[in-house]
Amino acid sequence: MKKVIVAIDSFKGCLTSAEANQAASEGILAKMPEAEVVQVPVSDGGEGWLEAFQAAMGGEIVEVNVKDPLMRTVVAQYLVQGDTAVIEIAKASGLTLLSPEERNPMVATSYGTGQLIVDAVRRGCKRIIVGLGGSATSDCGIGMLRAIIDAFAQNGSWDNVRDLDNVHFTIATDVTNPLCGEQGAAHIFAPQKGASLEMVEALDARAKRFAEASAKHLGRDCQNMPGAGAAGGLGYAFLQYMNAGCRSGIDLLLDTIHFDNLLQDADLVITGEGSADRQTLMGKLPYGILQRAQKHDVPVMLIAGRISDEQLLLDAGFSRVACINPPDLPLEIAMQPETAKENIRHVMDLPYTCSSVHSNLRASTSS
């Protein structure tokens, strides 16, 4: 019996990781009924983060009334297992909570993320893992800090917040950008959140002022640390004000699920994402999985709804790269969940075996 691990990232706006994994598994078993298929829901800190961690460690999903990026009341969720909480900031401060017309990072706030943290601390959580991805905000985490101050401080000052003294924070992000400057949160990420060029300059200036004031007040400066620019500067707030540790989202998840142990007797890994190109090799989830699998000499097949730079992906070590969509399929049809599931099943049903992929891997490593 061949063992195949399926660990596909969500196809944003179309399929969750679990849905994509299930479709791939059905396609594999249709071709190889004797195969052992292990489904691993995955996320690098954005969409699907909670679900991936719940599948890995169990726990209870907690629902909380919080403020969305425009300070409207919404219900958001986080995961609790023992004294550990797992928070996906997009549940409270995500871009998907806003219509395209509502996107404005000049006013969007991370206050709701702070409310999730407050609730977790009040429940006794001493370890909080935060997935930074999909935010609508570029407020440097000021809204989140304000929510914590409102809940815990007696005089409206961060200096009086003592409830977090024994809480350890870990932020999960594959973003290495600093807070400010041409590679900072505003310049790189704010345009996709609705910012004009003028807004970008204003947001960057605001971030610089906040970082300078924070450094003077706290005696340290985290604005240039890797990850400070993640989630509109939320990464900076965690690093500067909460002494958070910073981990690669995919590495943190793969360690939690003991992915290396799963690989020890695996014959093939299938991973994927909505769109794969050279940026996949810049720390995105499929590349993180490839790096783990290569250490165990397990070949990795990559699938995606759109493929560019195929040769670069193959040169990086993927044993096979496959686009699930026929070239003439209109985007609006390809994005329909049932169509995407069927196309994933079909790609898995194309002629291949684990042994042939192993042969391709050996050939590529020996050349």
Protein backbone atom coordinates (compact mmCIF):
# COMPACT_ATOMS: atom_id res chain seq x y z
CA MET A 1 0.00 0.00 0.00
CA LYS A 2 1.28 3.46 -0.93
CA LYS A 3 1.05 6.29 1.60
CA VAL A 4 0.12 9.70 0.20
CA ILE A 5 0.01 12.85 2.33
CA VAL A 6 -2.36 15.54 1.06
CA ALA A 7 -1.67 19.03 2.44
CA ILE A 8 -3.18 21.67 0.14
CA ASP A 9 -3.59 25.33 1.10
CA SER A 10 -6.97 26.97 0.65
CA PHE A 11 -7.93 28.18 -2.82
CA LYS A 12 -8.89 31.67 -1.67
CA GLY A 13 -12.48 32.58 -2.42
CA CYS A 14 -13.18 29.06 -3.62
CA LEU A 15 -12.16 26.10 -1.39
CA THR A 16 -10.93 25.63 2.14
CA SER A 17 -7.86 23.51 2.77
CA ALA A 18 -10.05 20.67 4.05
CA GLU A 19 -12.27 20.80 0.94
CA ALA A 20 -9.30 20.77 -1.43
CA ASN A 21 -7.72 17.89 0.49
CA GLN A 22 -10.92 15.86 0.35
CA ALA A 23 -11.29 16.34 -3.41
CA ALA A 24 -7.66 15.28 -3.97
CA SER A 25 -8.11 12.23 -1.74
CA GLU A 26 -11.17 11.15 -3.71
CA GLY A 27 -9.20 11.45 -6.94
CA ILE A 28 -6.28 9.45 -5.57
CA LEU A 29 -8.47 6.65 -4.25
CA ALA A 30 -10.34 6.46 -7.53
CA LYS A 31 -7.01 5.69 -9.21
CA MET A 32 -5.32 3.77 -6.38
CA PRO A 33 -7.99 2.25 -4.08
CA GLU A 34 -5.32 0.52 -2.03
CA ALA A 35 -3.52 3.78 -1.14
CA GLU A 36 -3.33 5.12 2.40
CA VAL A 37 -4.26 8.80 2.14
CA VAL A 38 -3.46 11.14 5.06
CA GLN A 39 -5.25 14.51 4.90
CA VAL A 40 -3.55 17.42 6.66
CA PRO A 41 -5.45 20.76 6.76
CA VAL A 42 -2.85 23.53 6.47
CA SER A 43 -2.49 27.30 6.67
CA ASP A 44 0.44 29.70 6.96
CA GLY A 45 -1.34 32.03 9.38
CA GLY A 46 -4.18 33.38 7.26
CA GLU A 47 -7.40 31.75 6.10
CA GLY A 48 -7.92 28.33 7.66
CA TRP A 49 -5.49 28.86 10.57
CA LEU A 50 -8.02 27.94 13.26
CA GLU A 51 -9.29 24.90 11.41
CA ALA A 52 -5.75 23.63 10.78
CA PHE A 53 -4.80 23.93 14.45
CA GLN A 54 -8.04 22.37 15.66
CA ALA A 55 -7.41 19.39 13.39
CA ALA A 56 -3.89 19.15 14.80
CA MET A 57 -4.49 19.67 18.53
CA GLY A 58 -8.23 19.50 19.14
CA GLY A 59 -9.73 22.10 21.45
CA GLU A 60 -12.86 24.20 21.68
CA ILE A 61 -13.94 26.96 19.31
CA VAL A 62 -14.98 30.00 21.36
CA GLU A 63 -17.28 32.67 19.91
CA VAL A 64 -17.03 36.30 21.00
CA ASN A 65 -18.85 39.49 20.07
CA VAL A 66 -16.15 41.88 18.83
CA LYS A 67 -15.78 44.95 16.65
CA ASP A 68 -14.95 44.50 12.98
CA PRO A 69 -12.51 46.86 11.18
CA LEU A 70 -15.23 49.53 11.00
CA MET A 71 -16.27 49.06 14.66
CA ARG A 72 -19.45 47.15 13.84
CA THR A 73 -20.34 44.22 16.08
CA VAL A 74 -19.59 40.79 14.61
CA VAL A 75 -19.13 37.29 16.01
CA ALA A 76 -15.53 36.07 15.81
CA GLN A 77 -13.98 32.77 16.86
CA TYR A 78 -10.76 31.56 18.39
CA LEU A 79 -9.51 28.16 19.55
CA VAL A 80 -8.78 27.13 23.14
CA GLN A 81 -6.92 23.96 24.14
CA GLY A 82 -5.89 23.86 27.79
CA ASP A 83 -4.11 27.12 28.57
CA THR A 84 -3.32 27.75 24.88
CA ALA A 85 -5.36 30.01 22.61
CA VAL A 86 -5.03 30.16 18.83
CA ILE A 87 -6.21 33.38 17.20
CA GLU A 88 -6.69 34.08 13.50
CA ILE A 89 -6.74 37.86 13.28
CA ALA A 90 -8.80 37.83 10.08
CA LYS A 91 -11.78 36.55 12.08
CA ALA A 92 -12.07 39.97 13.75
CA SER A 93 -9.99 42.34 11.61
CA GLY A 94 -10.05 40.69 8.20
CA LEU A 95 -10.40 42.14 4.74
CA THR A 96 -13.18 39.65 3.97
CA LEU A 97 -15.36 41.36 6.59
CA LEU A 98 -15.57 44.43 4.35
CA SER A 99 -17.08 45.00 0.94
CA PRO A 100 -14.71 46.41 -1.71
CA GLU A 101 -16.37 49.81 -1.29
CA GLU A 102 -15.72 49.79 2.47
CA ARG A 103 -11.99 49.15 2.31
CA ASN A 104 -10.08 52.07 3.80
CA PRO A 105 -6.97 51.37 5.90
CA MET A 106 -6.94 54.98 7.08
CA VAL A 107 -9.92 54.18 9.31
CA ALA A 108 -9.90 50.35 9.62
CA THR A 109 -9.00 49.25 13.15
CA SER A 110 -7.59 46.12 14.77
CA TYR A 111 -9.68 46.72 17.92
CA GLY A 112 -11.54 43.42 17.50
CA THR A 113 -8.30 41.43 17.56
CA GLY A 114 -7.54 43.03 20.93
CA GLN A 115 -10.96 41.92 22.17
CA LEU A 116 -10.18 38.31 21.23
CA ILE A 117 -6.93 38.53 23.20
CA VAL A 118 -8.76 40.00 26.21
CA ASP A 119 -11.28 37.17 26.17
CA ALA A 120 -8.54 34.53 25.94
CA VAL A 121 -6.59 36.05 28.83
CA ARG A 122 -9.72 36.24 30.99
CA ARG A 123 -10.26 32.52 30.31
CA GLY A 124 -6.84 31.83 31.79
CA CYS A 125 -4.83 31.28 28.60
CA LYS A 126 -1.10 31.68 29.18
CA ARG A 127 0.09 30.91 25.66
CA ILE A 128 -1.46 32.71 22.70
CA ILE A 129 -0.57 31.82 19.11
CA VAL A 130 -1.64 34.47 16.60
CA GLY A 131 -1.92 33.91 12.86
CA LEU A 132 -1.23 37.19 11.05
CA GLY A 133 -2.87 37.14 7.65
CA GLY A 134 -5.71 38.67 5.69
CA SER A 135 -6.04 41.90 7.68
CA ALA A 136 -8.01 44.92 6.51
CA THR A 137 -5.97 47.21 8.72
CA SER A 138 -2.80 49.29 8.59
CA ASP A 139 -3.02 50.78 12.09
CA CYS A 140 0.21 49.30 13.53
CA GLY A 141 -1.93 47.40 16.03
CA ILE A 142 -3.00 50.61 17.77
CA GLY A 143 -6.62 49.47 17.77
CA MET A 144 -5.67 46.13 19.32
CA LEU A 145 -3.63 47.86 22.03
CA ARG A 146 -6.50 50.24 22.77
CA ALA A 147 -8.91 47.31 23.28
CA ILE A 148 -6.47 45.75 25.77
CA ILE A 149 -6.01 49.06 27.61
CA ASP A 150 -9.78 49.59 27.73
CA ALA A 151 -10.20 46.17 29.34
CA PHE A 152 -7.26 45.98 31.72
CA ALA A 153 -5.79 49.42 32.48
CA GLN A 154 -7.11 51.54 35.32
CA ASN A 155 -5.98 54.93 34.01
CA GLY A 156 -5.97 54.41 30.25
CA SER A 157 -2.21 53.79 30.07
CA TRP A 158 -0.32 50.76 28.78
CA ASP A 159 1.98 51.05 31.80
CA ASN A 160 -0.86 49.79 33.98
CA VAL A 161 -1.59 46.67 31.93
CA ARG A 162 -0.30 43.85 34.12
CA ASP A 163 -2.69 41.10 33.03
CA LEU A 164 -0.38 40.12 30.17
CA ASP A 165 2.78 39.77 32.27
CA ASN A 166 2.58 35.98 32.41
CA VAL A 167 1.17 35.46 28.91
CA HIS A 168 3.52 34.33 26.14
CA PHE A 169 2.66 35.42 22.61
CA THR A 170 3.85 33.81 19.39
CA ILE A 171 3.02 35.48 16.08
CA ALA A 172 2.92 33.31 12.97
CA THR A 173 3.76 35.00 9.70
CA ASP A 174 5.88 34.44 6.64
CA VAL A 175 6.06 38.21 6.05
CA THR A 176 9.54 39.56 6.85
CA ASN A 177 8.89 43.21 6.00
CA PRO A 178 9.73 46.00 8.47
CA LEU A 179 7.07 48.38 9.75
CA CYS A 180 8.08 51.48 7.78
CA GLY A 181 9.72 52.53 4.54
CA GLU A 182 9.50 51.34 0.95
CA GLN A 183 9.31 47.69 2.04
CA GLY A 184 7.08 48.43 5.02
CA ALA A 185 3.48 47.65 5.85
CA ALA A 186 1.92 50.66 4.13
CA HIS A 187 3.88 50.63 0.88
CA ILE A 188 3.73 46.89 0.28
CA PHE A 189 0.34 45.84 1.65
CA ALA A 190 -1.97 48.86 2.07
CA PRO A 191 -2.83 49.25 -1.65
CA GLN A 192 -4.56 45.85 -1.68
CA LYS A 193 -6.60 47.05 1.32
CA GLY A 194 -7.94 50.07 -0.55
CA ALA A 195 -5.21 52.67 -0.01
CA SER A 196 -4.43 55.32 -2.61
CA LEU A 197 -0.87 56.59 -3.12
CA GLU A 198 -1.63 59.53 -0.85
CA MET A 199 -3.00 57.20 1.82
CA VAL A 200 0.12 55.03 1.62
CA GLU A 201 2.35 58.02 2.36
CA ALA A 202 0.10 59.13 5.23
CA LEU A 203 -0.02 55.62 6.71
CA ASP A 204 3.75 55.23 6.52
CA ALA A 205 4.28 58.61 8.20
CA ARG A 206 1.79 57.65 10.92
CA ALA A 207 3.63 54.37 11.49
CA LYS A 208 6.98 56.17 11.79
CA ARG A 209 5.59 58.58 14.39
CA PHE A 210 4.08 55.75 16.41
CA ALA A 211 7.29 53.69 16.30
CA GLU A 212 9.43 56.65 17.37
CA ALA A 213 7.11 57.47 20.28
CA SER A 214 6.95 53.79 21.32
CA ALA A 215 10.74 53.41 21.22
CA LYS A 216 11.20 56.50 23.38
CA HIS A 217 8.58 55.31 25.87
CA LEU A 218 9.63 51.65 26.14
CA GLY A 219 13.36 51.95 25.56
CA ARG A 220 13.51 49.50 22.66
CA ASP A 221 12.64 49.66 18.96
CA CYS A 222 11.20 46.69 17.07
CA GLN A 223 10.13 48.48 13.88
CA ASN A 224 12.83 46.83 11.75
CA MET A 225 12.44 43.31 13.09
CA PRO A 226 11.31 40.69 10.53
CA GLY A 227 7.54 40.44 10.73
CA ALA A 228 6.95 43.94 12.10
CA GLY A 229 5.17 44.90 8.88
CA ALA A 230 2.84 41.88 8.92
CA ALA A 231 -0.94 42.45 9.04
CA GLY A 232 -0.70 46.20 8.66
CA GLY A 233 1.81 46.54 11.48
CA LEU A 234 0.05 44.24 13.93
CA GLY A 235 3.28 42.27 13.96
CA TYR A 236 5.07 45.37 15.25
CA ALA A 237 2.58 45.85 18.10
CA PHE A 238 3.06 42.26 19.25
CA LEU A 239 6.85 42.50 19.04
CA GLN A 240 7.14 45.95 20.61
CA TYR A 241 4.49 45.81 23.31
CA MET A 242 4.08 42.10 24.08
CA ASN A 243 7.61 40.75 23.56
CA ALA A 244 6.16 38.18 21.16
CA GLY A 245 8.19 35.48 19.50
CA CYS A 246 7.93 35.29 15.72
CA ARG A 247 7.72 32.03 13.77
CA SER A 248 7.08 31.04 10.20
CA GLY A 249 3.40 30.15 10.09
CA ILE A 250 3.85 26.97 8.11
CA ASP A 251 6.80 25.80 10.23
CA LEU A 252 4.85 26.38 13.42
CA LEU A 253 1.89 24.37 12.14
CA LEU A 254 4.03 21.55 10.71
CA ASP A 255 5.86 21.24 14.02
CA THR A 256 2.54 21.10 15.88
CA ILE A 257 1.20 18.28 13.75
CA HIS A 258 4.55 16.40 13.80
CA PHE A 259 4.70 16.52 10.02
CA ASP A 260 8.21 15.08 9.92
CA ASN A 261 6.95 11.92 11.61
CA LEU A 262 4.21 11.59 8.99
CA LEU A 263 6.84 11.83 6.26
CA GLN A 264 8.97 8.96 7.50
CA ASP A 265 7.03 6.24 5.64
CA ALA A 266 5.34 8.41 3.00
CA ASP A 267 5.66 7.76 -0.73
CA LEU A 268 4.29 11.07 -2.00
CA VAL A 269 3.12 14.48 -0.77
CA ILE A 270 0.55 16.49 -2.68
CA THR A 271 0.34 20.18 -1.88
CA GLY A 272 -1.06 23.19 -3.68
CA GLU A 273 -2.56 26.67 -3.64
CA GLY A 274 -4.82 28.83 -5.75
CA SER A 275 -2.04 30.36 -7.83
CA ALA A 276 1.53 29.06 -8.05
CA ASP A 277 4.48 30.99 -9.49
CA ARG A 278 7.95 32.20 -8.49
CA GLN A 279 6.44 33.81 -5.37
CA THR A 280 5.58 30.31 -4.17
CA LEU A 281 9.32 29.89 -3.60
CA MET A 282 9.46 32.96 -1.32
CA GLY A 283 8.29 31.20 1.81
CA LYS A 284 4.73 30.34 0.84
CA LEU A 285 3.07 27.26 2.26
CA PRO A 286 3.76 24.74 -0.57
CA TYR A 287 7.46 25.63 -0.47
CA GLY A 288 7.59 25.09 3.28
CA ILE A 289 6.09 21.65 2.77
CA LEU A 290 8.55 20.92 -0.04
CA GLN A 291 11.51 21.79 2.19
CA ARG A 292 10.32 19.41 4.90
CA ALA A 293 9.67 16.60 2.43
CA GLN A 294 13.05 16.97 0.73
CA LYS A 295 14.77 16.21 4.05
CA HIS A 296 13.06 12.80 3.97
CA ASP A 297 13.50 12.23 0.19
CA VAL A 298 9.74 12.24 -0.31
CA PRO A 299 8.61 13.66 -3.69
CA VAL A 300 6.12 16.52 -3.73
CA MET A 301 3.48 17.16 -6.38
CA LEU A 302 2.20 20.74 -6.65
CA ILE A 303 -1.27 21.60 -7.96
CA ALA A 304 -2.80 25.04 -8.47
CA GLY A 305 -5.63 26.80 -10.23
CA ARG A 306 -3.10 28.88 -12.13
CA ILE A 307 0.53 28.04 -12.89
CA SER A 308 3.31 30.39 -13.95
CA ASP A 309 7.08 29.89 -13.89
CA GLU A 310 6.62 26.13 -14.09
CA GLN A 311 10.28 25.40 -14.81
CA LEU A 312 11.39 27.42 -11.78
CA LEU A 313 9.03 25.38 -9.61
CA LEU A 314 10.38 22.13 -11.02
CA ASP A 315 13.96 23.31 -10.61
CA ALA A 316 13.20 24.11 -6.96
CA GLY A 317 12.40 20.45 -6.40
CA PHE A 318 8.71 19.84 -7.04
CA SER A 319 8.54 16.48 -8.79
CA ARG A 320 5.43 17.43 -10.74
CA VAL A 321 3.50 20.68 -11.27
CA ALA A 322 -0.09 20.48 -12.49
CA CYS A 323 -2.72 23.11 -13.24
CA ILE A 324 -6.15 21.80 -12.31
CA ASN A 325 -7.99 23.99 -14.85
CA PRO A 326 -8.21 23.47 -18.61
CA PRO A 327 -6.67 26.45 -20.45
CA ASP A 328 -9.97 27.60 -21.96
CA LEU A 329 -12.02 27.48 -18.72
CA PRO A 330 -13.46 30.92 -17.82
CA LEU A 331 -12.36 32.22 -14.42
CA GLU A 332 -15.89 32.63 -13.10
CA ILE A 333 -16.56 28.94 -13.75
CA ALA A 334 -13.17 27.81 -12.44
CA MET A 335 -13.87 29.63 -9.16
CA GLN A 336 -17.08 27.70 -8.53
CA PRO A 337 -16.40 25.28 -5.64
CA GLU A 338 -17.92 22.21 -7.30
CA THR A 339 -15.98 22.87 -10.50
CA ALA A 340 -12.73 23.27 -8.57
CA LYS A 341 -13.33 20.05 -6.62
CA GLU A 342 -14.02 18.09 -9.80
CA ASN A 343 -10.92 19.52 -11.49
CA ILE A 344 -8.77 18.54 -8.50
CA ARG A 345 -10.18 15.00 -8.62
CA HIS A 346 -9.44 14.85 -12.35
CA VAL A 347 -5.81 15.92 -11.91
CA MET A 348 -5.36 13.18 -9.32
CA ASP A 349 -6.85 10.71 -11.82
CA LEU A 350 -4.25 11.47 -14.48
CA PRO A 351 -1.80 8.57 -15.03
CA TYR A 352 0.87 8.56 -12.38
CA THR A 353 2.13 6.28 -9.66
CA CYS A 354 4.22 6.91 -6.60
CA SER A 355 7.02 4.81 -8.06
CA SER A 356 7.16 6.86 -11.26
CA VAL A 357 7.35 10.07 -9.26
CA HIS A 358 10.17 8.58 -7.21
CA SER A 359 11.96 7.79 -10.48
CA ASN A 360 11.54 11.37 -11.64
CA LEU A 361 12.89 12.60 -8.32
CA ARG A 362 15.94 10.39 -8.52
CA ALA A 363 16.59 11.53 -12.08
CA SER A 364 16.34 15.20 -11.17
CA THR A 365 18.64 14.91 -8.15
CA SER A 366 21.28 12.96 -10.04
CA SER A 367 21.46 15.34 -13.00
